[in-house]
Amino acid sequence: MKIDLLSFTAKGEELARRIEESFTAQPPRLSNGAPRLTISLARCNEPLSLSEWTTQMFDQSDALVFVGAAGIAVRAIAPHLKSKVTDPAVVVVDERGSFAVPILSGHLGGANDLARAIGERIGATPVITTATDVNNVFAIDEWTRKQGLVIRNTERIKHISASLLAGETVRVATEYPIDGPVPKGVEVEGLSRTLEGELKPLVQKPDILITNRRDASKLYPEALLAVPRNVVLGAGCKRNVLPVSFELLLTQVLGELDLLEEAIDAVGSIDIKKDEPGLLAFCTVHDWQLITFSAARLREAEGEFTASFFVRNVTGVDNVCERSAKVLSGGELIKEKTTGNGVTLAAAERPTRLHWVEGPELI
């Protein structure tokens, strides 16, 4: 998670540094799937102006913290606002450190929790105004972020929140176990399948679906769809393969697995492919991290794999894609080696358990 702080005066700069030092000394817990924490400090007009700094940081930061007046922050971010799905968290802290006010992306971006974390460290009062928080109602957008779930149809969030605020019950259908006490106003039913893998219809239509499969979303198109990022790809390829070769094979794999693309979290391969242009471009387009392993590490993978003497002679291990997926996921293969146009792909699913309660500080 990347947090960028901007101050305007010497007093504000001192407080910003105090916030940075406190986060470094006592790092907050990060939501499932969030990268490691990095923090930067800047002071207005040294050298960037308010407009220049905001323009530069708005699209590349996960959170902006303005140490100063809320009005200044509002005017600065206003030209850049796009969507609650993509906008960063924005928090304003007054120069005395009395209040920490989330003003943008309170739930999906984590601004509410960031304000709470800042308040805990500097003694500021977090000023939370989102309706679900002030009414102590379950917030689906905040919960999914903390669980590392991707909401595919974010327009449904307001309908779920409105139902809960009105005292109505929302029904959750999930393919994964969820530990902990179920929130007030929520009913849970497990999604089950036949031996052939076909989805069994539910007695009542769900309001929220938690699945990585396409068939459930087709069966219940009006439900909010939350997708766990619990699948990894293992990849191998010939030298100088074009990115389109990966894309074509990905389409085939997703179709055969009936898998939603949002479920994919990362790509694994052998370390001799860490600078392969086509593979890097493929990962960049999808915003997937490429994680590579040595041949020795891949040989340690347990299980039965599709062996190739040619691959072993070239790489030192009999299979790259399946072994990479197995090692990276820590789970089981759900798709064995699939080949096309000089590319091989395999897929594995991480063991997945969710939890209703994750503690007060998780940004």
Protein backbone atom coordinates (compact mmCIF):
# COMPACT_ATOMS: atom_id res chain seq x y z
CA MET A 1 0.00 0.00 0.00
CA LYS A 2 1.40 3.39 -1.03
CA ILE A 3 0.55 6.36 1.21
CA ASP A 4 1.64 9.90 0.31
CA LEU A 5 1.46 12.78 2.81
CA LEU A 6 1.42 16.48 1.92
CA SER A 7 1.89 19.33 4.39
CA PHE A 8 1.71 23.09 3.93
CA THR A 9 3.52 24.63 6.90
CA ALA A 10 6.40 23.82 9.21
CA LYS A 11 3.97 22.70 11.90
CA GLY A 12 2.11 20.52 9.40
CA GLU A 13 5.36 19.05 8.16
CA GLU A 14 6.31 18.12 11.69
CA LEU A 15 3.00 16.31 12.17
CA ALA A 16 3.30 14.55 8.80
CA ARG A 17 6.72 13.26 9.81
CA ARG A 18 5.29 12.10 13.10
CA ILE A 19 2.61 10.13 11.24
CA GLU A 20 5.23 8.61 8.95
CA GLU A 21 7.48 7.61 11.84
CA SER A 22 4.58 6.10 13.79
CA PHE A 23 3.50 3.99 10.81
CA THR A 24 7.08 2.82 10.30
CA ALA A 25 7.50 1.92 13.97
CA GLN A 26 4.04 0.30 14.23
CA PRO A 27 2.94 -0.81 10.76
CA PRO A 28 -0.80 -1.31 10.41
CA ARG A 29 -2.19 -4.63 9.23
CA LEU A 30 -2.88 -4.58 5.52
CA SER A 31 -5.93 -6.00 3.79
CA ASN A 32 -5.68 -9.38 2.14
CA GLY A 33 -3.80 -8.96 -1.12
CA ALA A 34 -2.46 -5.48 -0.35
CA PRO A 35 1.25 -5.02 -1.13
CA ARG A 36 3.74 -3.91 1.50
CA LEU A 37 3.43 -0.43 2.99
CA THR A 38 5.43 2.49 1.59
CA ILE A 39 5.11 6.11 2.75
CA SER A 40 6.40 9.36 1.24
CA LEU A 41 6.41 12.92 2.61
CA ALA A 42 6.20 16.19 0.70
CA ARG A 43 5.66 19.84 1.47
CA CYS A 44 3.62 22.06 -0.81
CA ASN A 45 5.70 24.12 -3.29
CA GLU A 46 8.90 22.28 -2.39
CA PRO A 47 9.16 21.86 -5.35
CA LEU A 48 5.68 20.79 -6.57
CA SER A 49 2.64 23.01 -6.25
CA LEU A 50 -0.55 21.66 -4.72
CA SER A 51 -2.02 21.02 -8.16
CA GLU A 52 1.14 19.39 -9.49
CA TRP A 53 1.56 17.13 -6.47
CA THR A 54 -2.09 16.02 -6.51
CA THR A 55 -2.01 15.35 -10.26
CA GLN A 56 1.12 13.26 -9.90
CA MET A 57 0.03 11.28 -6.86
CA PHE A 58 -3.69 10.78 -7.45
CA ASP A 59 -3.35 7.93 -9.95
CA GLN A 60 -0.30 6.24 -8.47
CA SER A 61 -1.11 6.28 -4.75
CA ASP A 62 -3.41 4.10 -2.69
CA ALA A 63 -3.96 6.88 -0.17
CA LEU A 64 -3.36 10.64 0.06
CA VAL A 65 -3.10 12.35 3.42
CA PHE A 66 -3.37 16.14 3.50
CA VAL A 67 -2.12 17.76 6.70
CA GLY A 68 -4.04 21.03 6.63
CA ALA A 69 -7.51 22.36 5.86
CA ALA A 70 -10.19 20.09 4.41
CA GLY A 71 -11.23 22.77 1.91
CA ILE A 72 -7.75 22.80 0.37
CA ALA A 73 -7.84 19.03 -0.05
CA VAL A 74 -11.33 19.10 -1.59
CA ARG A 75 -10.33 21.70 -4.19
CA ALA A 76 -7.13 19.82 -4.98
CA ILE A 77 -8.73 16.43 -5.62
CA ALA A 78 -11.96 17.64 -7.27
CA PRO A 79 -10.63 17.72 -10.89
CA HIS A 80 -9.32 14.16 -10.57
CA LEU A 81 -12.36 12.30 -9.22
CA LYS A 82 -13.41 9.39 -11.42
CA SER A 83 -14.99 6.48 -9.57
CA LYS A 84 -15.30 5.05 -6.07
CA VAL A 85 -13.75 1.90 -7.51
CA THR A 86 -10.52 3.53 -8.68
CA ASP A 87 -10.11 6.74 -6.65
CA PRO A 88 -7.55 6.54 -3.83
CA ALA A 89 -8.37 6.97 -0.19
CA VAL A 90 -8.09 10.60 0.93
CA VAL A 91 -7.73 11.65 4.57
CA VAL A 92 -7.34 15.16 5.99
CA VAL A 93 -5.56 15.74 9.31
CA ASP A 94 -5.62 19.20 10.89
CA GLU A 95 -2.26 20.73 11.87
CA ARG A 96 -2.85 20.20 15.59
CA GLY A 97 -3.53 16.52 15.03
CA SER A 98 -6.95 16.75 16.66
CA PHE A 99 -8.99 15.15 13.88
CA ALA A 100 -8.45 12.65 11.04
CA VAL A 101 -11.21 13.04 8.44
CA PRO A 102 -11.71 10.57 5.56
CA ILE A 103 -13.20 12.51 2.65
CA LEU A 104 -12.93 10.02 -0.24
CA SER A 105 -13.11 6.23 -0.69
CA GLY A 106 -13.99 5.50 2.90
CA HIS A 107 -14.77 1.82 2.36
CA LEU A 108 -13.40 0.52 -0.95
CA GLY A 109 -10.27 2.65 -0.67
CA GLY A 110 -9.83 2.16 3.06
CA ALA A 111 -9.91 5.86 4.05
CA ASN A 112 -12.02 5.17 7.15
CA ASP A 113 -9.59 2.59 8.46
CA LEU A 114 -6.61 4.77 7.56
CA ALA A 115 -8.15 7.63 9.57
CA ARG A 116 -8.64 5.27 12.50
CA ALA A 117 -5.04 4.07 12.23
CA ILE A 118 -3.73 7.66 12.15
CA GLY A 119 -5.94 8.57 15.09
CA GLU A 120 -4.65 5.63 17.12
CA ARG A 121 -1.05 6.71 16.62
CA ILE A 122 -1.23 10.48 17.09
CA GLY A 123 -4.22 10.77 19.41
CA ALA A 124 -6.54 12.26 16.77
CA THR A 125 -10.28 11.65 16.66
CA PRO A 126 -11.33 9.87 13.44
CA VAL A 127 -14.37 11.63 12.00
CA ILE A 128 -16.34 8.90 10.21
CA THR A 129 -19.49 9.92 8.33
CA THR A 130 -20.41 6.89 6.19
CA ALA A 131 -23.97 5.75 6.98
CA THR A 132 -23.17 2.10 7.65
CA ASP A 133 -20.46 3.05 10.14
CA VAL A 134 -22.46 5.59 12.10
CA ASN A 135 -25.40 3.16 12.27
CA ASN A 136 -23.17 0.17 13.10
CA VAL A 137 -24.35 -1.72 10.02
CA PHE A 138 -22.34 -4.28 8.05
CA ALA A 139 -20.52 -2.61 5.12
CA ILE A 140 -20.14 -5.03 2.23
CA ASP A 141 -17.65 -2.87 0.31
CA GLU A 142 -15.33 -2.50 3.30
CA TRP A 143 -15.57 -6.18 4.19
CA THR A 144 -14.80 -7.40 0.67
CA ARG A 145 -11.74 -5.14 0.49
CA LYS A 146 -10.38 -6.54 3.74
CA GLN A 147 -10.97 -10.09 2.51
CA GLY A 148 -9.23 -9.43 -0.79
CA LEU A 149 -12.43 -9.90 -2.79
CA VAL A 150 -13.10 -8.00 -6.01
CA ILE A 151 -16.64 -6.65 -6.49
CA ARG A 152 -17.46 -7.06 -10.15
CA ASN A 153 -20.69 -5.00 -10.21
CA THR A 154 -20.01 -2.16 -7.79
CA GLU A 155 -23.31 -0.46 -8.64
CA ARG A 156 -24.98 -3.08 -6.43
CA ILE A 157 -23.17 -1.85 -3.30
CA LYS A 158 -25.65 0.97 -2.66
CA HIS A 159 -28.62 -1.42 -2.89
CA ILE A 160 -27.08 -3.83 -0.38
CA SER A 161 -26.24 -0.98 2.01
CA ALA A 162 -29.72 0.54 1.64
CA SER A 163 -31.36 -2.79 2.50
CA LEU A 164 -29.23 -3.23 5.62
CA LEU A 165 -29.81 0.36 6.74
CA ALA A 166 -33.56 -0.22 6.33
CA GLY A 167 -33.35 -3.21 8.67
CA GLU A 168 -33.85 -5.76 5.92
CA THR A 169 -32.01 -9.07 5.58
CA VAL A 170 -29.49 -9.71 2.82
CA ARG A 171 -28.67 -13.24 1.72
CA VAL A 172 -25.09 -14.32 1.03
CA ALA A 173 -24.34 -17.39 -1.08
CA THR A 174 -20.74 -18.54 -0.90
CA GLU A 175 -18.53 -21.35 -2.16
CA TYR A 176 -16.08 -20.78 0.69
CA PRO A 177 -16.23 -21.21 4.47
CA ILE A 178 -16.58 -17.97 6.44
CA ASP A 179 -15.44 -18.06 10.06
CA GLY A 180 -16.69 -15.88 12.89
CA PRO A 181 -20.10 -14.57 13.95
CA VAL A 182 -22.39 -13.63 11.06
CA PRO A 183 -23.16 -9.87 11.00
CA LYS A 184 -26.61 -8.64 11.96
CA GLY A 185 -28.96 -8.58 8.99
CA VAL A 186 -26.98 -11.20 7.03
CA GLU A 187 -28.00 -14.77 6.25
CA VAL A 188 -25.52 -17.23 4.74
CA GLU A 189 -26.08 -20.23 2.50
CA GLY A 190 -23.38 -22.42 0.97
CA LEU A 191 -23.20 -22.87 -2.77
CA SER A 192 -22.93 -26.55 -3.59
CA ARG A 193 -22.29 -28.53 -6.76
CA THR A 194 -23.11 -31.91 -8.19
CA LEU A 195 -20.44 -34.56 -8.71
CA GLU A 196 -20.17 -33.28 -12.28
CA GLY A 197 -19.48 -29.77 -11.03
CA GLU A 198 -22.85 -28.30 -11.92
CA LEU A 199 -24.14 -25.60 -9.58
CA LYS A 200 -27.16 -26.58 -7.53
CA PRO A 201 -29.84 -23.85 -7.57
CA LEU A 202 -30.60 -22.10 -4.28
CA VAL A 203 -34.03 -22.03 -2.70
CA GLN A 204 -33.99 -18.21 -2.56
CA LYS A 205 -32.14 -15.81 -4.79
CA PRO A 206 -29.02 -14.40 -3.09
CA ASP A 207 -28.25 -10.71 -2.75
CA ILE A 208 -24.49 -11.37 -2.61
CA LEU A 209 -22.52 -14.10 -4.40
CA ILE A 210 -19.00 -15.07 -3.35
CA THR A 211 -17.54 -17.24 -6.09
CA ASN A 212 -14.83 -17.30 -8.76
CA ARG A 213 -16.97 -19.12 -11.30
CA ARG A 214 -18.99 -17.68 -14.16
CA ASP A 215 -21.98 -20.01 -13.92
CA ALA A 216 -23.14 -18.62 -10.58
CA SER A 217 -23.10 -15.05 -11.85
CA LYS A 218 -25.11 -16.10 -14.90
CA LEU A 219 -27.67 -17.92 -12.76
CA TYR A 220 -28.08 -14.95 -10.38
CA PRO A 221 -27.22 -11.86 -12.46
CA GLU A 222 -28.86 -9.39 -10.04
CA ALA A 223 -26.66 -10.38 -7.10
CA LEU A 224 -23.60 -8.43 -6.05
CA LEU A 225 -20.68 -10.58 -7.23
CA ALA A 226 -17.59 -10.73 -4.99
CA VAL A 227 -14.68 -12.67 -6.46
CA PRO A 228 -11.81 -14.03 -4.35
CA ARG A 229 -8.40 -13.54 -5.94
CA ASN A 230 -7.39 -17.08 -5.12
CA VAL A 231 -6.18 -18.50 -8.45
CA VAL A 232 -2.66 -18.29 -9.84
CA LEU A 233 -1.34 -19.11 -13.28
CA GLY A 234 1.82 -21.01 -14.02
CA ALA A 235 3.39 -19.99 -17.32
CA GLY A 236 6.07 -21.22 -19.67
CA CYS A 237 6.98 -20.10 -23.17
CA LYS A 238 9.47 -20.13 -25.99
CA ARG A 239 11.76 -17.14 -26.37
CA ASN A 240 10.31 -13.93 -27.81
CA VAL A 241 6.71 -15.14 -27.83
CA LEU A 242 4.24 -12.33 -28.46
CA PRO A 243 1.84 -11.28 -25.67
CA VAL A 244 -1.15 -12.15 -27.89
CA SER A 245 -0.17 -15.82 -27.63
CA PHE A 246 -0.67 -15.65 -23.87
CA GLU A 247 -3.98 -13.85 -24.31
CA LEU A 248 -5.36 -16.46 -26.68
CA LEU A 249 -4.42 -19.30 -24.36
CA LEU A 250 -5.76 -17.42 -21.33
CA THR A 251 -9.15 -17.10 -23.02
CA GLN A 252 -9.16 -20.85 -23.61
CA VAL A 253 -8.19 -21.67 -20.03
CA LEU A 254 -10.78 -19.32 -18.51
CA GLY A 255 -13.46 -20.83 -20.73
CA GLU A 256 -12.57 -24.42 -19.88
CA LEU A 257 -12.52 -23.64 -16.16
CA ASP A 258 -15.61 -21.42 -16.33
CA LEU A 259 -13.42 -19.03 -14.33
CA LEU A 260 -13.82 -15.28 -13.84
CA GLU A 261 -10.65 -13.40 -14.77
CA GLU A 262 -10.85 -11.35 -11.56
CA ALA A 263 -10.01 -14.55 -9.65
CA ILE A 264 -6.44 -14.55 -10.97
CA ASP A 265 -3.97 -12.98 -8.56
CA ALA A 266 -0.48 -13.63 -9.94
CA VAL A 267 1.60 -15.55 -12.46
CA GLY A 268 4.46 -17.91 -11.67
CA SER A 269 7.28 -19.13 -13.88
CA ILE A 270 10.93 -20.19 -13.84
CA ASP A 271 13.58 -17.58 -13.12
CA ILE A 272 15.12 -17.77 -16.61
CA LYS A 273 11.84 -16.22 -17.84
CA LYS A 274 11.84 -13.27 -15.43
CA ASP A 275 12.84 -10.85 -18.23
CA GLU A 276 10.87 -12.47 -21.06
CA PRO A 277 9.26 -9.47 -22.87
CA GLY A 278 6.03 -11.18 -23.95
CA LEU A 279 5.39 -12.68 -20.52
CA LEU A 280 6.13 -9.38 -18.77
CA ALA A 281 3.82 -7.48 -21.12
CA PHE A 282 1.05 -10.04 -20.52
CA CYS A 283 1.33 -9.61 -16.75
CA THR A 284 1.52 -5.82 -16.98
CA VAL A 285 -1.66 -5.54 -19.05
CA HIS A 286 -3.58 -7.51 -16.42
CA ASP A 287 -1.81 -5.93 -13.44
CA TRP A 288 -0.58 -9.33 -12.28
CA GLN A 289 2.71 -9.77 -10.46
CA LEU A 290 5.18 -12.16 -12.10
CA ILE A 291 6.88 -14.33 -9.48
CA THR A 292 9.67 -16.66 -10.61
CA PHE A 293 11.38 -19.64 -9.02
CA SER A 294 14.62 -21.51 -9.53
CA ALA A 295 14.61 -24.90 -11.22
CA ALA A 296 15.66 -26.42 -7.91
CA ARG A 297 12.66 -24.90 -6.12
CA LEU A 298 10.28 -26.12 -8.82
CA ARG A 299 11.68 -29.64 -8.58
CA GLU A 300 10.69 -29.65 -4.90
CA ALA A 301 6.98 -29.31 -5.77
CA GLU A 302 4.99 -32.32 -4.63
CA GLY A 303 2.55 -34.05 -6.93
CA GLU A 304 2.29 -35.57 -10.38
CA PHE A 305 3.11 -33.28 -13.29
CA THR A 306 3.09 -33.48 -17.07
CA ALA A 307 6.74 -34.24 -17.78
CA SER A 308 8.64 -33.05 -20.86
CA PHE A 309 12.18 -34.22 -21.59
CA PHE A 310 12.67 -31.21 -23.88
CA VAL A 311 11.67 -28.76 -21.14
CA ARG A 312 13.93 -30.54 -18.65
CA ASN A 313 16.92 -30.30 -21.01
CA VAL A 314 16.33 -26.58 -21.52
CA THR A 315 15.34 -25.48 -18.01
CA GLY A 316 16.55 -28.18 -15.64
CA VAL A 317 13.03 -29.15 -14.56
CA ASP A 318 10.54 -31.41 -16.36
CA ASN A 319 7.59 -28.99 -16.17
CA VAL A 320 7.47 -25.24 -15.62
CA CYS A 321 3.83 -24.14 -15.74
CA GLU A 322 2.24 -26.78 -13.49
CA ARG A 323 5.05 -26.74 -10.94
CA SER A 324 5.08 -22.93 -10.86
CA ALA A 325 1.32 -22.80 -10.23
CA LYS A 326 1.60 -25.44 -7.52
CA VAL A 327 4.48 -23.71 -5.70
CA LEU A 328 2.99 -20.22 -5.97
CA SER A 329 -0.49 -21.22 -4.82
CA GLY A 330 0.29 -23.65 -2.03
CA GLY A 331 -2.90 -25.34 -3.21
CA GLU A 332 -4.06 -27.78 -5.85
CA LEU A 333 -3.94 -27.68 -9.63
CA ILE A 334 -7.31 -26.95 -11.19
CA LYS A 335 -6.00 -26.87 -14.75
CA GLU A 336 -3.14 -28.99 -16.04
CA LYS A 337 -0.68 -27.93 -18.71
CA THR A 338 -2.42 -26.31 -21.69
CA THR A 339 -0.37 -25.51 -24.78
CA GLY A 340 -0.74 -23.19 -27.75
CA ASN A 341 1.40 -20.95 -29.97
CA GLY A 342 4.61 -21.46 -28.02
CA VAL A 343 2.97 -20.85 -24.62
CA THR A 344 1.99 -23.17 -21.78
CA LEU A 345 -0.39 -22.27 -18.96
CA ALA A 346 -1.61 -24.11 -15.87
CA ALA A 347 -3.77 -22.91 -12.98
CA ALA A 348 -3.94 -23.67 -9.26
CA GLU A 349 -6.28 -22.48 -6.52
CA ARG A 350 -5.14 -21.31 -3.09
CA PRO A 351 -6.89 -22.72 -0.03
CA THR A 352 -9.53 -20.11 0.80
CA ARG A 353 -11.22 -19.31 4.12
CA LEU A 354 -12.89 -15.99 4.82
CA HIS A 355 -13.71 -14.32 8.14
CA TRP A 356 -16.55 -12.02 9.13
CA VAL A 357 -14.52 -10.09 11.71
CA GLU A 358 -11.01 -8.81 10.99
CA GLY A 359 -10.38 -6.38 13.86
CA PRO A 360 -10.60 -2.59 14.00
CA GLU A 361 -7.39 -1.70 12.18
CA LEU A 362 -6.92 -3.25 8.76
CA ILE A 363 -6.19 -0.84 5.93
